[in-house]
Full PDB file with SEQRES, HELIX, SHEET, SSBOND, CRYST1, ORIGX, SCALE, CONECT and MASTER records, all heavy atoms in Angstrom:
SEQRES   1 A   43  LEU LEU ALA GLY ARG VAL THR GLN ALA ALA TRP ARG SER          
SEQRES   2 A   43  LYS PRO SER PHE TYR ALA VAL SER THR GLU ASP ARG THR          
SEQRES   3 A   43  ILE ASN PRO ASP LEU GLN ARG PHE MET ALA LYS ARG MET          
SEQRES   4 A   43  GLY ALA GLU THR                                              
HELIX    1 AA1 ALA A   10  ARG A   12  5                                   3    
HELIX    2 AA2 PRO A   29  ARG A   38  1                                  10    
CRYST1    1.000    1.000    1.000  90.00  90.00  90.00 P 1           1          
ORIGX1      1.000000  0.000000  0.000000        0.00000                         
ORIGX2      0.000000  1.000000  0.000000        0.00000                         
ORIGX3      0.000000  0.000000  1.000000        0.00000                         
SCALE1      1.000000  0.000000  0.000000        0.00000                         
SCALE2      0.000000  1.000000  0.000000        0.00000                         
SCALE3      0.000000  0.000000  1.000000        0.00000                         
ATOM      1  N   LEU A   1      19.994 101.948 159.494  1.00  0.00           N  
ATOM      2  CA  LEU A   1      21.051 102.426 158.602  1.00  0.00           C  
ATOM      3  C   LEU A   1      20.483 102.905 157.276  1.00  0.00           C  
ATOM      4  O   LEU A   1      20.947 103.905 156.707  1.00  0.00           O  
ATOM      5  CB  LEU A   1      22.064 101.304 158.360  1.00  0.00           C  
ATOM      6  CG  LEU A   1      23.253 101.621 157.454  1.00  0.00           C  
ATOM      7  CD1 LEU A   1      24.204 102.579 158.152  1.00  0.00           C  
ATOM      8  CD2 LEU A   1      23.995 100.335 157.080  1.00  0.00           C  
ATOM      9  N   LEU A   2      19.462 102.214 156.780  1.00  0.00           N  
ATOM     10  CA  LEU A   2      18.925 102.497 155.457  1.00  0.00           C  
ATOM     11  C   LEU A   2      18.099 103.774 155.421  1.00  0.00           C  
ATOM     12  O   LEU A   2      17.807 104.306 154.348  1.00  0.00           O  
ATOM     13  CB  LEU A   2      18.073 101.322 154.977  1.00  0.00           C  
ATOM     14  CG  LEU A   2      18.771  99.964 154.952  1.00  0.00           C  
ATOM     15  CD1 LEU A   2      17.821  98.894 154.437  1.00  0.00           C  
ATOM     16  CD2 LEU A   2      20.037 100.017 154.103  1.00  0.00           C  
ATOM     17  N   ALA A   3      17.717 104.282 156.584  1.00  0.00           N  
ATOM     18  CA  ALA A   3      16.891 105.486 156.643  1.00  0.00           C  
ATOM     19  C   ALA A   3      17.710 106.767 156.552  1.00  0.00           C  
ATOM     20  O   ALA A   3      17.152 107.851 156.344  1.00  0.00           O  
ATOM     21  CB  ALA A   3      16.073 105.498 157.935  1.00  0.00           C  
ATOM     22  N   GLY A   4      19.025 106.663 156.692  1.00  0.00           N  
ATOM     23  CA  GLY A   4      19.858 107.857 156.721  1.00  0.00           C  
ATOM     24  C   GLY A   4      20.024 108.521 155.363  1.00  0.00           C  
ATOM     25  O   GLY A   4      20.027 107.855 154.327  1.00  0.00           O  
ATOM     26  N   ARG A   5      20.148 109.826 155.369  1.00  0.00           N  
ATOM     27  CA  ARG A   5      20.441 110.595 154.162  1.00  0.00           C  
ATOM     28  C   ARG A   5      21.706 111.427 154.393  1.00  0.00           C  
ATOM     29  O   ARG A   5      21.925 111.945 155.495  1.00  0.00           O  
ATOM     30  CB  ARG A   5      19.298 111.545 153.797  1.00  0.00           C  
ATOM     31  CG  ARG A   5      17.999 110.862 153.434  1.00  0.00           C  
ATOM     32  CD  ARG A   5      17.038 111.862 152.813  1.00  0.00           C  
ATOM     33  NE  ARG A   5      15.702 111.309 152.651  1.00  0.00           N  
ATOM     34  CZ  ARG A   5      14.706 111.939 152.028  1.00  0.00           C  
ATOM     35  NH1 ARG A   5      14.923 113.163 151.534  1.00  0.00           N  
ATOM     36  NH2 ARG A   5      13.520 111.384 151.911  1.00  0.00           N  
ATOM     37  N   VAL A   6      22.522 111.539 153.369  1.00  0.00           N  
ATOM     38  CA  VAL A   6      23.717 112.370 153.492  1.00  0.00           C  
ATOM     39  C   VAL A   6      23.298 113.836 153.518  1.00  0.00           C  
ATOM     40  O   VAL A   6      22.281 114.216 152.930  1.00  0.00           O  
ATOM     41  CB  VAL A   6      24.711 112.110 152.344  1.00  0.00           C  
ATOM     42  CG1 VAL A   6      25.156 110.652 152.345  1.00  0.00           C  
ATOM     43  CG2 VAL A   6      24.123 112.494 150.988  1.00  0.00           C  
ATOM     44  N   THR A   7      24.057 114.655 154.199  1.00  0.00           N  
ATOM     45  CA  THR A   7      23.747 116.083 154.307  1.00  0.00           C  
ATOM     46  C   THR A   7      24.605 116.931 153.389  1.00  0.00           C  
ATOM     47  O   THR A   7      24.378 118.133 153.255  1.00  0.00           O  
ATOM     48  CB  THR A   7      23.938 116.567 155.753  1.00  0.00           C  
ATOM     49  OG1 THR A   7      25.315 116.394 156.131  1.00  0.00           O  
ATOM     50  CG2 THR A   7      23.051 115.768 156.705  1.00  0.00           C  
ATOM     51  N   GLN A   8      25.599 116.319 152.764  1.00  0.00           N  
ATOM     52  CA  GLN A   8      26.477 117.036 151.841  1.00  0.00           C  
ATOM     53  C   GLN A   8      26.996 116.052 150.803  1.00  0.00           C  
ATOM     54  O   GLN A   8      27.016 114.846 151.038  1.00  0.00           O  
ATOM     55  CB  GLN A   8      27.637 117.685 152.591  1.00  0.00           C  
ATOM     56  CG  GLN A   8      28.355 116.761 153.546  1.00  0.00           C  
ATOM     57  CD  GLN A   8      29.129 117.515 154.608  1.00  0.00           C  
ATOM     58  OE1 GLN A   8      29.329 118.721 154.536  1.00  0.00           O  
ATOM     59  NE2 GLN A   8      29.602 116.793 155.608  1.00  0.00           N  
ATOM     60  N   ALA A   9      27.384 116.567 149.653  1.00  0.00           N  
ATOM     61  CA  ALA A   9      27.854 115.723 148.557  1.00  0.00           C  
ATOM     62  C   ALA A   9      29.284 116.116 148.206  1.00  0.00           C  
ATOM     63  O   ALA A   9      29.520 117.103 147.502  1.00  0.00           O  
ATOM     64  CB  ALA A   9      26.946 115.859 147.339  1.00  0.00           C  
ATOM     65  N   ALA A  10      30.238 115.343 148.709  1.00  0.00           N  
ATOM     66  CA  ALA A  10      31.649 115.672 148.500  1.00  0.00           C  
ATOM     67  C   ALA A  10      32.032 115.669 147.029  1.00  0.00           C  
ATOM     68  O   ALA A  10      32.960 116.375 146.621  1.00  0.00           O  
ATOM     69  CB  ALA A  10      32.532 114.692 149.278  1.00  0.00           C  
ATOM     70  N   TRP A  11      31.314 114.890 146.207  1.00  0.00           N  
ATOM     71  CA  TRP A  11      31.662 114.825 144.788  1.00  0.00           C  
ATOM     72  C   TRP A  11      31.424 116.151 144.069  1.00  0.00           C  
ATOM     73  O   TRP A  11      31.895 116.337 142.934  1.00  0.00           O  
ATOM     74  CB  TRP A  11      30.936 113.679 144.093  1.00  0.00           C  
ATOM     75  CG  TRP A  11      29.457 113.575 144.296  1.00  0.00           C  
ATOM     76  CD1 TRP A  11      28.811 112.759 145.176  1.00  0.00           C  
ATOM     77  CD2 TRP A  11      28.419 114.275 143.589  1.00  0.00           C  
ATOM     78  NE1 TRP A  11      27.438 112.905 145.066  1.00  0.00           N  
ATOM     79  CE2 TRP A  11      27.169 113.822 144.095  1.00  0.00           C  
ATOM     80  CE3 TRP A  11      28.431 115.226 142.561  1.00  0.00           C  
ATOM     81  CZ2 TRP A  11      25.950 114.311 143.623  1.00  0.00           C  
ATOM     82  CZ3 TRP A  11      27.210 115.707 142.096  1.00  0.00           C  
ATOM     83  CH2 TRP A  11      25.990 115.258 142.613  1.00  0.00           C  
ATOM     84  N   ARG A  12      30.735 117.076 144.689  1.00  0.00           N  
ATOM     85  CA  ARG A  12      30.554 118.394 144.084  1.00  0.00           C  
ATOM     86  C   ARG A  12      31.799 119.266 144.205  1.00  0.00           C  
ATOM     87  O   ARG A  12      31.886 120.301 143.541  1.00  0.00           O  
ATOM     88  CB  ARG A  12      29.350 119.110 144.706  1.00  0.00           C  
ATOM     89  CG  ARG A  12      28.018 118.499 144.289  1.00  0.00           C  
ATOM     90  CD  ARG A  12      26.849 119.406 144.630  1.00  0.00           C  
ATOM     91  NE  ARG A  12      25.598 118.893 144.081  1.00  0.00           N  
ATOM     92  CZ  ARG A  12      25.172 119.110 142.839  1.00  0.00           C  
ATOM     93  NH1 ARG A  12      25.925 119.820 142.010  1.00  0.00           N  
ATOM     94  NH2 ARG A  12      24.031 118.613 142.423  1.00  0.00           N  
ATOM     95  N   SER A  13      32.735 118.870 145.054  1.00  0.00           N  
ATOM     96  CA  SER A  13      33.926 119.708 145.252  1.00  0.00           C  
ATOM     97  C   SER A  13      35.238 118.944 145.191  1.00  0.00           C  
ATOM     98  O   SER A  13      36.304 119.559 145.293  1.00  0.00           O  
ATOM     99  CB  SER A  13      33.831 120.425 146.607  1.00  0.00           C  
ATOM    100  OG  SER A  13      33.738 119.487 147.673  1.00  0.00           O  
ATOM    101  N   LYS A  14      35.199 117.619 145.021  1.00  0.00           N  
ATOM    102  CA  LYS A  14      36.421 116.819 144.988  1.00  0.00           C  
ATOM    103  C   LYS A  14      36.490 116.024 143.676  1.00  0.00           C  
ATOM    104  O   LYS A  14      35.455 115.573 143.170  1.00  0.00           O  
ATOM    105  CB  LYS A  14      36.470 115.833 146.170  1.00  0.00           C  
ATOM    106  CG  LYS A  14      36.412 116.468 147.561  1.00  0.00           C  
ATOM    107  CD  LYS A  14      37.707 117.165 147.922  1.00  0.00           C  
ATOM    108  CE  LYS A  14      37.625 117.834 149.292  1.00  0.00           C  
ATOM    109  NZ  LYS A  14      37.796 116.906 150.420  1.00  0.00           N  
ATOM    110  N   PRO A  15      37.696 115.824 143.119  1.00  0.00           N  
ATOM    111  CA  PRO A  15      37.837 114.957 141.934  1.00  0.00           C  
ATOM    112  C   PRO A  15      37.273 113.579 142.238  1.00  0.00           C  
ATOM    113  O   PRO A  15      37.544 113.000 143.290  1.00  0.00           O  
ATOM    114  CB  PRO A  15      39.353 114.910 141.711  1.00  0.00           C  
ATOM    115  CG  PRO A  15      39.870 116.159 142.347  1.00  0.00           C  
ATOM    116  CD  PRO A  15      38.990 116.402 143.543  1.00  0.00           C  
ATOM    117  N   SER A  16      36.456 113.057 141.319  1.00  0.00           N  
ATOM    118  CA  SER A  16      35.743 111.809 141.576  1.00  0.00           C  
ATOM    119  C   SER A  16      35.960 110.800 140.467  1.00  0.00           C  
ATOM    120  O   SER A  16      36.094 111.166 139.290  1.00  0.00           O  
ATOM    121  CB  SER A  16      34.238 112.091 141.728  1.00  0.00           C  
ATOM    122  OG  SER A  16      33.999 112.995 142.797  1.00  0.00           O  
ATOM    123  N   PHE A  17      35.972 109.529 140.861  1.00  0.00           N  
ATOM    124  CA  PHE A  17      36.214 108.407 139.955  1.00  0.00           C  
ATOM    125  C   PHE A  17      35.176 107.329 140.257  1.00  0.00           C  
ATOM    126  O   PHE A  17      34.779 107.148 141.407  1.00  0.00           O  
ATOM    127  CB  PHE A  17      37.630 107.858 140.154  1.00  0.00           C  
ATOM    128  CG  PHE A  17      38.713 108.881 139.887  1.00  0.00           C  
ATOM    129  CD1 PHE A  17      38.988 109.881 140.815  1.00  0.00           C  
ATOM    130  CD2 PHE A  17      39.437 108.857 138.703  1.00  0.00           C  
ATOM    131  CE1 PHE A  17      39.977 110.828 140.569  1.00  0.00           C  
ATOM    132  CE2 PHE A  17      40.422 109.795 138.450  1.00  0.00           C  
ATOM    133  CZ  PHE A  17      40.680 110.785 139.377  1.00  0.00           C  
ATOM    134  N   TYR A  18      34.763 106.602 139.208  1.00  0.00           N  
ATOM    135  CA  TYR A  18      33.707 105.613 139.405  1.00  0.00           C  
ATOM    136  C   TYR A  18      34.006 104.371 138.574  1.00  0.00           C  
ATOM    137  O   TYR A  18      34.322 104.468 137.390  1.00  0.00           O  
ATOM    138  CB  TYR A  18      32.343 106.177 138.991  1.00  0.00           C  
ATOM    139  CG  TYR A  18      31.166 105.445 139.597  1.00  0.00           C  
ATOM    140  CD1 TYR A  18      30.382 106.027 140.574  1.00  0.00           C  
ATOM    141  CD2 TYR A  18      30.848 104.141 139.202  1.00  0.00           C  
ATOM    142  CE1 TYR A  18      29.307 105.345 141.151  1.00  0.00           C  
ATOM    143  CE2 TYR A  18      29.789 103.449 139.764  1.00  0.00           C  
ATOM    144  CZ  TYR A  18      29.022 104.058 140.740  1.00  0.00           C  
ATOM    145  OH  TYR A  18      27.978 103.377 141.306  1.00  0.00           O  
ATOM    146  N   ALA A  19      33.874 103.196 139.205  1.00  0.00           N  
ATOM    147  CA  ALA A  19      33.991 101.910 138.519  1.00  0.00           C  
ATOM    148  C   ALA A  19      32.615 101.266 138.454  1.00  0.00           C  
ATOM    149  O   ALA A  19      32.058 100.862 139.485  1.00  0.00           O  
ATOM    150  CB  ALA A  19      34.974 100.992 139.246  1.00  0.00           C  
ATOM    151  N   VAL A  20      32.051 101.194 137.253  1.00  0.00           N  
ATOM    152  CA  VAL A  20      30.749 100.584 137.035  1.00  0.00           C  
ATOM    153  C   VAL A  20      30.933  99.081 136.831  1.00  0.00           C  
ATOM    154  O   VAL A  20      31.765  98.652 136.018  1.00  0.00           O  
ATOM    155  CB  VAL A  20      30.055 101.187 135.802  1.00  0.00           C  
ATOM    156  CG1 VAL A  20      28.764 100.435 135.474  1.00  0.00           C  
ATOM    157  CG2 VAL A  20      29.782 102.670 136.009  1.00  0.00           C  
ATOM    158  N   SER A  21      30.143  98.281 137.546  1.00  0.00           N  
ATOM    159  CA  SER A  21      30.137  96.837 137.328  1.00  0.00           C  
ATOM    160  C   SER A  21      29.013  96.505 136.349  1.00  0.00           C  
ATOM    161  O   SER A  21      27.833  96.630 136.686  1.00  0.00           O  
ATOM    162  CB  SER A  21      29.910  96.085 138.648  1.00  0.00           C  
ATOM    163  OG  SER A  21      31.064  96.108 139.454  1.00  0.00           O  
ATOM    164  N   THR A  22      29.370  96.089 135.144  1.00  0.00           N  
ATOM    165  CA  THR A  22      28.363  95.918 134.095  1.00  0.00           C  
ATOM    166  C   THR A  22      27.463  94.702 134.313  1.00  0.00           C  
ATOM    167  O   THR A  22      26.373  94.641 133.759  1.00  0.00           O  
ATOM    168  CB  THR A  22      29.018  95.813 132.717  1.00  0.00           C  
ATOM    169  OG1 THR A  22      29.847  94.628 132.672  1.00  0.00           O  
ATOM    170  CG2 THR A  22      29.882  97.030 132.416  1.00  0.00           C  
ATOM    171  N   GLU A  23      27.916  93.717 135.119  1.00  0.00           N  
ATOM    172  CA  GLU A  23      27.115  92.517 135.378  1.00  0.00           C  
ATOM    173  C   GLU A  23      26.523  92.535 136.783  1.00  0.00           C  
ATOM    174  O   GLU A  23      26.188  91.488 137.333  1.00  0.00           O  
ATOM    175  CB  GLU A  23      27.986  91.261 135.189  1.00  0.00           C  
ATOM    176  CG  GLU A  23      28.751  91.218 133.877  1.00  0.00           C  
ATOM    177  CD  GLU A  23      27.848  91.367 132.672  1.00  0.00           C  
ATOM    178  OE1 GLU A  23      26.815  90.659 132.623  1.00  0.00           O  
ATOM    179  OE2 GLU A  23      28.142  92.199 131.788  1.00  0.00           O  
ATOM    180  N   ASP A  24      26.384  93.714 137.346  1.00  0.00           N  
ATOM    181  CA  ASP A  24      25.944  93.858 138.732  1.00  0.00           C  
ATOM    182  C   ASP A  24      24.479  93.467 138.887  1.00  0.00           C  
ATOM    183  O   ASP A  24      23.616  93.930 138.144  1.00  0.00           O  
ATOM    184  CB  ASP A  24      26.143  95.305 139.178  1.00  0.00           C  
ATOM    185  CG  ASP A  24      26.265  95.461 140.674  1.00  0.00           C  
ATOM    186  OD1 ASP A  24      25.507  94.785 141.398  1.00  0.00           O  
ATOM    187  OD2 ASP A  24      27.103  96.256 141.124  1.00  0.00           O  
ATOM    188  N   ARG A  25      24.197  92.634 139.885  1.00  0.00           N  
ATOM    189  CA  ARG A  25      22.835  92.223 140.209  1.00  0.00           C  
ATOM    190  C   ARG A  25      22.435  92.711 141.607  1.00  0.00           C  
ATOM    191  O   ARG A  25      21.455  92.238 142.182  1.00  0.00           O  
ATOM    192  CB  ARG A  25      22.710  90.694 140.112  1.00  0.00           C  
ATOM    193  CG  ARG A  25      22.867  90.176 138.686  1.00  0.00           C  
ATOM    194  CD  ARG A  25      23.027  88.652 138.644  1.00  0.00           C  
ATOM    195  NE  ARG A  25      21.876  87.948 139.197  1.00  0.00           N  
ATOM    196  CZ  ARG A  25      20.781  87.616 138.497  1.00  0.00           C  
ATOM    197  NH1 ARG A  25      20.684  87.945 137.224  1.00  0.00           N  
ATOM    198  NH2 ARG A  25      19.787  86.952 139.082  1.00  0.00           N  
ATOM    199  N   THR A  26      23.214  93.660 142.146  1.00  0.00           N  
ATOM    200  CA  THR A  26      22.923  94.233 143.455  1.00  0.00           C  
ATOM    201  C   THR A  26      22.569  95.713 143.350  1.00  0.00           C  
ATOM    202  O   THR A  26      21.648  96.192 144.010  1.00  0.00           O  
ATOM    203  CB  THR A  26      24.113  94.036 144.410  1.00  0.00           C  
ATOM    204  OG1 THR A  26      24.384  92.632 144.535  1.00  0.00           O  
ATOM    205  CG2 THR A  26      23.830  94.608 145.787  1.00  0.00           C  
ATOM    206  N   ILE A  27      23.322  96.476 142.551  1.00  0.00           N  
ATOM    207  CA  ILE A  27      22.969  97.854 142.196  1.00  0.00           C  
ATOM    208  C   ILE A  27      22.879  97.915 140.673  1.00  0.00           C  
ATOM    209  O   ILE A  27      23.832  97.534 139.980  1.00  0.00           O  
ATOM    210  CB  ILE A  27      23.989  98.881 142.713  1.00  0.00           C  
ATOM    211  CG1 ILE A  27      24.010  98.890 144.250  1.00  0.00           C  
ATOM    212  CG2 ILE A  27      23.671 100.277 142.190  1.00  0.00           C  
ATOM    213  CD1 ILE A  27      24.985  99.900 144.842  1.00  0.00           C  
ATOM    214  N   ASN A  28      21.752  98.372 140.163  1.00  0.00           N  
ATOM    215  CA  ASN A  28      21.528  98.403 138.726  1.00  0.00           C  
ATOM    216  C   ASN A  28      22.670  99.132 138.002  1.00  0.00           C  
ATOM    217  O   ASN A  28      23.011 100.259 138.369  1.00  0.00           O  
ATOM    218  CB  ASN A  28      20.198  99.109 138.437  1.00  0.00           C  
ATOM    219  CG  ASN A  28      19.800  99.034 136.984  1.00  0.00           C  
ATOM    220  OD1 ASN A  28      20.436  99.633 136.129  1.00  0.00           O  
ATOM    221  ND2 ASN A  28      18.735  98.311 136.709  1.00  0.00           N  
ATOM    222  N   PRO A  29      23.296  98.502 137.000  1.00  0.00           N  
ATOM    223  CA  PRO A  29      24.411  99.159 136.291  1.00  0.00           C  
ATOM    224  C   PRO A  29      24.033 100.504 135.669  1.00  0.00           C  
ATOM    225  O   PRO A  29      24.859 101.425 135.634  1.00  0.00           O  
ATOM    226  CB  PRO A  29      24.803  98.137 135.220  1.00  0.00           C  
ATOM    227  CG  PRO A  29      24.381  96.822 135.791  1.00  0.00           C  
ATOM    228  CD  PRO A  29      23.106  97.115 136.544  1.00  0.00           C  
ATOM    229  N   ASP A  30      22.802 100.639 135.174  1.00  0.00           N  
ATOM    230  CA  ASP A  30      22.389 101.916 134.600  1.00  0.00           C  
ATOM    231  C   ASP A  30      22.264 102.998 135.665  1.00  0.00           C  
ATOM    232  O   ASP A  30      22.532 104.177 135.399  1.00  0.00           O  
ATOM    233  CB  ASP A  30      21.071 101.766 133.840  1.00  0.00           C  
ATOM    234  CG  ASP A  30      21.255 101.068 132.499  1.00  0.00           C  
ATOM    235  OD1 ASP A  30      22.368 101.132 131.942  1.00  0.00           O  
ATOM    236  OD2 ASP A  30      20.290 100.447 132.014  1.00  0.00           O  
ATOM    237  N   LEU A  31      21.864 102.617 136.873  1.00  0.00           N  
ATOM    238  CA  LEU A  31      21.855 103.570 137.983  1.00  0.00           C  
ATOM    239  C   LEU A  31      23.282 103.996 138.299  1.00  0.00           C  
ATOM    240  O   LEU A  31      23.542 105.178 138.548  1.00  0.00           O  
ATOM    241  CB  LEU A  31      21.189 102.941 139.204  1.00  0.00           C  
ATOM    242  CG  LEU A  31      21.257 103.737 140.507  1.00  0.00           C  
ATOM    243  CD1 LEU A  31      20.658 105.128 140.352  1.00  0.00           C  
ATOM    244  CD2 LEU A  31      20.551 102.969 141.636  1.00  0.00           C  
ATOM    245  N   GLN A  32      24.210 103.044 138.285  1.00  0.00           N  
ATOM    246  CA  GLN A  32      25.615 103.395 138.501  1.00  0.00           C  
ATOM    247  C   GLN A  32      26.096 104.393 137.442  1.00  0.00           C  
ATOM    248  O   GLN A  32      26.780 105.367 137.758  1.00  0.00           O  
ATOM    249  CB  GLN A  32      26.479 102.137 138.459  1.00  0.00           C  
ATOM    250  CG  GLN A  32      26.207 101.150 139.585  1.00  0.00           C  
ATOM    251  CD  GLN A  32      27.076  99.916 139.494  1.00  0.00           C  
ATOM    252  OE1 GLN A  32      28.267  99.997 139.170  1.00  0.00           O  
ATOM    253  NE2 GLN A  32      26.500  98.750 139.761  1.00  0.00           N  
ATOM    254  N   ARG A  33      25.740 104.131 136.201  1.00  0.00           N  
ATOM    255  CA  ARG A  33      26.154 105.029 135.117  1.00  0.00           C  
ATOM    256  C   ARG A  33      25.568 106.431 135.302  1.00  0.00           C  
ATOM    257  O   ARG A  33      26.241 107.434 135.066  1.00  0.00           O  
ATOM    258  CB  ARG A  33      25.737 104.443 133.769  1.00  0.00           C  
ATOM    259  CG  ARG A  33      26.460 103.158 133.397  1.00  0.00           C  
ATOM    260  CD  ARG A  33      26.053 102.662 132.028  1.00  0.00           C  
ATOM    261  NE  ARG A  33      26.747 101.423 131.685  1.00  0.00           N  
ATOM    262  CZ  ARG A  33      26.177 100.219 131.689  1.00  0.00           C  
ATOM    263  NH1 ARG A  33      24.881 100.084 132.004  1.00  0.00           N  
ATOM    264  NH2 ARG A  33      26.878  99.145 131.375  1.00  0.00           N  
ATOM    265  N   PHE A  34      24.305 106.484 135.721  1.00  0.00           N  
ATOM    266  CA  PHE A  34      23.667 107.775 135.962  1.00  0.00           C  
ATOM    267  C   PHE A  34      24.412 108.557 137.036  1.00  0.00           C  
ATOM    268  O   PHE A  34      24.708 109.748 136.870  1.00  0.00           O  
ATOM    269  CB  PHE A  34      22.207 107.587 136.376  1.00  0.00           C  
ATOM    270  CG  PHE A  34      21.597 108.826 136.961  1.00  0.00           C  
ATOM    271  CD1 PHE A  34      21.163 109.859 136.146  1.00  0.00           C  
ATOM    272  CD2 PHE A  34      21.492 108.978 138.343  1.00  0.00           C  
ATOM    273  CE1 PHE A  34      20.621 111.024 136.687  1.00  0.00           C  
ATOM    274  CE2 PHE A  34      20.955 110.137 138.894  1.00  0.00           C  
ATOM    275  CZ  PHE A  34      20.519 111.164 138.066  1.00  0.00           C  
ATOM    276  N   MET A  35      24.710 107.897 138.161  1.00  0.00           N  
ATOM    277  CA  MET A  35      25.383 108.595 139.260  1.00  0.00           C  
ATOM    278  C   MET A  35      26.778 109.039 138.850  1.00  0.00           C  
ATOM    279  O   MET A  35      27.217 110.149 139.193  1.00  0.00           O  
ATOM    280  CB  MET A  35      25.421 107.699 140.494  1.00  0.00           C  
ATOM    281  CG  MET A  35      24.048 107.432 141.098  1.00  0.00           C  
ATOM    282  SD  MET A  35      24.075 106.456 142.634  1.00  0.00           S  
ATOM    283  CE  MET A  35      24.577 104.842 142.017  1.00  0.00           C  
ATOM    284  N   ALA A  36      27.491 108.194 138.114  1.00  0.00           N  
ATOM    285  CA  ALA A  36      28.838 108.547 137.665  1.00  0.00           C  
ATOM    286  C   ALA A  36      28.799 109.750 136.725  1.00  0.00           C  
ATOM    287  O   ALA A  36      29.620 110.673 136.827  1.00  0.00           O  
ATOM    288  CB  ALA A  36      29.487 107.354 136.974  1.00  0.00           C  
ATOM    289  N   LYS A  37      27.841 109.750 135.812  1.00  0.00           N  
ATOM    290  CA  LYS A  37      27.718 110.859 134.861  1.00  0.00           C  
ATOM    291  C   LYS A  37      27.324 112.145 135.568  1.00  0.00           C  
ATOM    292  O   LYS A  37      27.845 113.226 135.266  1.00  0.00           O  
ATOM    293  CB  LYS A  37      26.701 110.508 133.776  1.00  0.00           C  
ATOM    294  CG  LYS A  37      26.548 111.583 132.708  1.00  0.00           C  
ATOM    295  CD  LYS A  37      25.574 111.151 131.627  1.00  0.00           C  
ATOM    296  CE  LYS A  37      25.446 112.233 130.554  1.00  0.00           C  
ATOM    297  NZ  LYS A  37      24.491 111.814 129.483  1.00  0.00           N  
ATOM    298  N   ARG A  38      26.397 112.037 136.519  1.00  0.00           N  
ATOM    299  CA  ARG A  38      25.936 113.226 137.234  1.00  0.00           C  
ATOM    300  C   ARG A  38      27.069 113.916 137.980  1.00  0.00           C  
ATOM    301  O   ARG A  38      27.127 115.146 138.034  1.00  0.00           O  
ATOM    302  CB  ARG A  38      24.818 112.835 138.218  1.00  0.00           C  
ATOM    303  CG  ARG A  38      24.295 113.990 139.034  1.00  0.00           C  
ATOM    304  CD  ARG A  38      23.082 113.637 139.854  1.00  0.00           C  
ATOM    305  NE  ARG A  38      23.351 112.647 140.894  1.00  0.00           N  
ATOM    306  CZ  ARG A  38      22.465 112.314 141.835  1.00  0.00           C  
ATOM    307  NH1 ARG A  38      21.256 112.855 141.828  1.00  0.00           N  
ATOM    308  NH2 ARG A  38      22.769 111.409 142.750  1.00  0.00           N  
ATOM    309  N   MET A  39      27.959 113.129 138.560  1.00  0.00           N  
ATOM    310  CA  MET A  39      29.069 113.736 139.303  1.00  0.00           C  
ATOM    311  C   MET A  39      30.244 114.105 138.403  1.00  0.00           C  
ATOM    312  O   MET A  39      31.227 114.680 138.877  1.00  0.00           O  
ATOM    313  CB  MET A  39      29.544 112.794 140.422  1.00  0.00           C  
ATOM    314  CG  MET A  39      30.270 111.558 139.947  1.00  0.00           C  
ATOM    315  SD  MET A  39      30.987 110.592 141.312  1.00  0.00           S  
ATOM    316  CE  MET A  39      29.527 109.933 142.084  1.00  0.00           C  
ATOM    317  N   GLY A  40      30.138 113.782 137.120  1.00  0.00           N  
ATOM    318  CA  GLY A  40      31.242 114.086 136.209  1.00  0.00           C  
ATOM    319  C   GLY A  40      32.476 113.279 136.515  1.00  0.00           C  
ATOM    320  O   GLY A  40      33.602 113.741 136.320  1.00  0.00           O  
ATOM    321  N   ALA A  41      32.281 112.046 136.983  1.00  0.00           N  
ATOM    322  CA  ALA A  41      33.411 111.224 137.409  1.00  0.00           C  
ATOM    323  C   ALA A  41      34.198 110.677 136.229  1.00  0.00           C  
ATOM    324  O   ALA A  41      33.640 110.410 135.156  1.00  0.00           O  
ATOM    325  CB  ALA A  41      32.905 110.056 138.255  1.00  0.00           C  
ATOM    326  N   GLU A  42      35.487 110.492 136.442  1.00  0.00           N  
ATOM    327  CA  GLU A  42      36.303 109.687 135.528  1.00  0.00           C  
ATOM    328  C   GLU A  42      35.824 108.252 135.721  1.00  0.00           C  
ATOM    329  O   GLU A  42      35.878 107.714 136.828  1.00  0.00           O  
ATOM    330  CB  GLU A  42      37.775 109.816 135.894  1.00  0.00           C  
ATOM    331  CG  GLU A  42      38.725 109.127 134.948  1.00  0.00           C  
ATOM    332  CD  GLU A  42      38.899 109.891 133.643  1.00  0.00           C  
ATOM    333  OE1 GLU A  42      38.711 111.124 133.634  1.00  0.00           O  
ATOM    334  OE2 GLU A  42      39.237 109.235 132.631  1.00  0.00           O  
ATOM    335  N   THR A  43      35.323 107.634 134.659  1.00  0.00           N  
ATOM    336  CA  THR A  43      34.599 106.375 134.807  1.00  0.00           C  
ATOM    337  C   THR A  43      35.221 105.251 133.994  1.00  0.00           C  
ATOM    338  O   THR A  43      35.636 105.456 132.851  1.00  0.00           O  
ATOM    339  CB  THR A  43      33.127 106.557 134.367  1.00  0.00           C  
ATOM    340  OG1 THR A  43      32.542 107.615 135.133  1.00  0.00           O  
ATOM    341  CG2 THR A  43      32.332 105.286 134.574  1.00  0.00           C  
TER     342      THR A  43                                                      
MASTER        0    0    0    2    0    0    0    6  341    1    0    4          
END                                                                             
C-alpha cells in the first residue's frame, strides 16, 4: 500500500479544506500546513 503514488491531484480542480492537528505525532503538523497551503485550502 505504501508504494503507491496518486496519478492525479483532485485538489487542483476542486474546492479544498484542511484541518491541521497542531499536536499531531503521526504526521508532522508543519508538513500538514505545507500541504494545505500548497493546495490553497480553506484551513
